[in-house]
C-alpha atoms as a PDB file:
ATOM      1  CA  MET A   1      -7.760   6.991  26.103  1.00  0.00           C
ATOM      2  CA  PRO A   2      -5.030   9.429  27.114  1.00  0.00           C
ATOM      3  CA  ASN A   3      -5.395  12.967  25.795  1.00  0.00           C
ATOM      4  CA  ASP A   4      -2.021  12.902  24.057  1.00  0.00           C
ATOM      5  CA  MET A   5      -3.310  10.191  21.689  1.00  0.00           C
ATOM      6  CA  TRP A   6      -5.895  12.462  20.028  1.00  0.00           C
ATOM      7  CA  GLY A   7      -3.272  14.293  17.995  1.00  0.00           C
ATOM      8  CA  TRP A   8      -1.996  10.987  16.589  1.00  0.00           C
ATOM      9  CA  ILE A   9      -5.524   9.816  15.832  1.00  0.00           C
ATOM     10  CA  LEU A  10      -6.318  13.055  14.002  1.00  0.00           C
ATOM     11  CA  LEU A  11      -3.051  12.846  12.054  1.00  0.00           C
ATOM     12  CA  LEU A  12      -3.776   9.249  11.118  1.00  0.00           C
ATOM     13  CA  GLY A  13      -7.256  10.228   9.920  1.00  0.00           C
ATOM     14  CA  LEU A  14      -5.847  13.079   7.851  1.00  0.00           C
ATOM     15  CA  VAL A  15      -3.148  10.929   6.236  1.00  0.00           C
ATOM     16  CA  ALA A  16      -5.632   8.133   5.494  1.00  0.00           C
ATOM     17  CA  THR A  17      -8.099  10.579   3.945  1.00  0.00           C
ATOM     18  CA  VAL A  18      -5.461  12.223   1.746  1.00  0.00           C
ATOM     19  CA  GLY A  19      -4.152   8.807   0.717  1.00  0.00           C
ATOM     20  CA  GLN A  20      -7.626   7.635  -0.282  1.00  0.00           C
ATOM     21  CA  LEU A  21      -8.290  10.822  -2.259  1.00  0.00           C
ATOM     22  CA  LEU A  22      -4.995  10.444  -4.117  1.00  0.00           C
ATOM     23  CA  LEU A  23      -5.693   6.781  -4.853  1.00  0.00           C
ATOM     24  CA  THR A  24      -9.132   7.691  -6.189  1.00  0.00           C
ATOM     25  CA  ARG A  25      -7.562  10.333  -8.421  1.00  0.00           C
ATOM     26  CA  ALA A  26      -4.983   7.822  -9.660  1.00  0.00           C
ATOM     27  CA  TYR A  27      -7.773   5.413 -10.631  1.00  0.00           C
ATOM     28  CA  ARG A  28      -9.467   8.250 -12.510  1.00  0.00           C
ATOM     29  CA  ILE A  29      -6.456   9.301 -14.610  1.00  0.00           C
ATOM     30  CA  ALA A  30      -4.553   6.017 -15.117  1.00  0.00           C
ATOM     31  CA  PRO A  31      -5.552   2.558 -16.322  1.00  0.00           C
ATOM     32  CA  THR A  32      -6.890   0.435 -13.486  1.00  0.00           C
ATOM     33  CA  GLY A  33      -4.394  -2.343 -14.153  1.00  0.00           C
ATOM     34  CA  LYS A  34      -1.526   0.084 -13.661  1.00  0.00           C
ATOM     35  CA  VAL A  35      -2.799   1.475 -10.352  1.00  0.00           C
ATOM     36  CA  GLY A  36      -4.321  -1.587  -8.711  1.00  0.00           C
ATOM     37  CA  VAL A  37      -1.033  -3.402  -8.242  1.00  0.00           C
ATOM     38  CA  TYR A  38       0.385  -0.553  -6.198  1.00  0.00           C
ATOM     39  CA  ALA A  39      -2.694  -0.367  -3.976  1.00  0.00           C
ATOM     40  CA  TYR A  40      -1.765  -3.834  -2.712  1.00  0.00           C
ATOM     41  CA  SER A  41       1.555  -2.497  -1.449  1.00  0.00           C
ATOM     42  CA  ALA A  42      -0.332  -1.543   1.720  1.00  0.00           C
ATOM     43  CA  VAL A  43       0.115  -5.180   2.743  1.00  0.00           C
ATOM     44  CA  LEU A  44       3.884  -4.706   2.582  1.00  0.00           C
ATOM     45  CA  TYR A  45       3.772  -1.523   4.632  1.00  0.00           C
ATOM     46  CA  GLY A  46       1.584  -3.230   7.215  1.00  0.00           C
ATOM     47  CA  ALA A  47       4.000  -6.142   7.532  1.00  0.00           C
ATOM     48  CA  VAL A  48       6.993  -3.831   7.909  1.00  0.00           C
ATOM     49  CA  MET A  49       5.232  -1.700  10.547  1.00  0.00           C
ATOM     50  CA  GLY A  50       4.111  -4.819  12.426  1.00  0.00           C
ATOM     51  CA  TRP A  51       7.690  -6.019  12.509  1.00  0.00           C
ATOM     52  CA  TYR A  52       9.171  -2.637  13.433  1.00  0.00           C
ATOM     53  CA  PHE A  53       6.691  -1.492  16.078  1.00  0.00           C
ATOM     54  CA  TRP A  54       5.449  -4.778  17.579  1.00  0.00           C
ATOM     55  CA  ASP A  55       8.213  -7.280  16.759  1.00  0.00           C
ATOM     56  CA  GLU A  56       5.769  -9.414  14.764  1.00  0.00           C
ATOM     57  CA  LEU A  57       7.633 -11.805  12.537  1.00  0.00           C
ATOM     58  CA  PRO A  58       5.994 -12.143   9.123  1.00  0.00           C
ATOM     59  CA  LEU A  59       4.800 -15.628   8.180  1.00  0.00           C
ATOM     60  CA  TRP A  60       6.049 -17.371   5.059  1.00  0.00           C
ATOM     61  CA  THR A  61       2.727 -16.524   3.424  1.00  0.00           C
ATOM     62  CA  THR A  62       3.451 -12.845   4.021  1.00  0.00           C
ATOM     63  CA  TRP A  63       6.803 -13.193   2.270  1.00  0.00           C
ATOM     64  CA  LEU A  64       5.154 -15.067  -0.590  1.00  0.00           C
ATOM     65  CA  GLY A  65       2.512 -12.378  -0.932  1.00  0.00           C
ATOM     66  CA  ALA A  66       5.124  -9.636  -0.790  1.00  0.00           C
ATOM     67  CA  THR A  67       7.119 -11.364  -3.529  1.00  0.00           C
ATOM     68  CA  LEU A  68       4.017 -11.610  -5.712  1.00  0.00           C
ATOM     69  CA  ILE A  69       3.135  -7.954  -5.139  1.00  0.00           C
ATOM     70  CA  VAL A  70       6.635  -6.709  -5.937  1.00  0.00           C
ATOM     71  CA  SER A  71       6.880  -8.994  -8.975  1.00  0.00           C
ATOM     72  CA  ALA A  72       3.537  -7.808 -10.309  1.00  0.00           C
ATOM     73  CA  GLY A  73       4.569  -4.193  -9.784  1.00  0.00           C
ATOM     74  CA  LEU A  74       7.840  -4.712 -11.649  1.00  0.00           C
ATOM     75  CA  LEU A  75       6.114  -6.558 -14.491  1.00  0.00           C
ATOM     76  CA  ASN A  76       3.572  -3.784 -14.677  1.00  0.00           C
ATOM     77  CA  LEU A  77       6.259  -1.132 -14.703  1.00  0.00           C
ATOM     78  CA  TYR A  78       8.483  -2.703 -17.366  1.00  0.00           C
ATOM     79  CA  GLN A  79       5.845  -4.327 -19.562  1.00  0.00           C
ATOM     80  CA  PRO A  80       5.649  -2.740 -23.022  1.00  0.00           C
ATOM     81  CA  LYS A  81       2.590  -0.605 -23.565  1.00  0.00           C
ATOM     82  CA  SER A  82      -0.127  -2.232 -25.633  1.00  0.00           C
ATOM     83  CA  LYS A  83      -1.219  -0.520 -28.827  1.00  0.00           C
ATOM     84  CA  HIS A  84      -4.976  -0.814 -28.223  1.00  0.00           C
END
């Protein structure tokens, strides 16, 4: 592996670690149902990066999954709070 890649690998590790710590904190302070939907948005980011960096065209199943994820997030966001 070329030496200039180590900086990117270290940055990727740092960003992934911080992201995981923040997600863990979100699960601790918010209801799981409110946080879990947004954790699945990683699939969307992966599809967009695959298309942008490697010209991978998403399959129809990717679009279906993305639609379900966005719909669930919007329902979750705008759903009235329960009075439990």
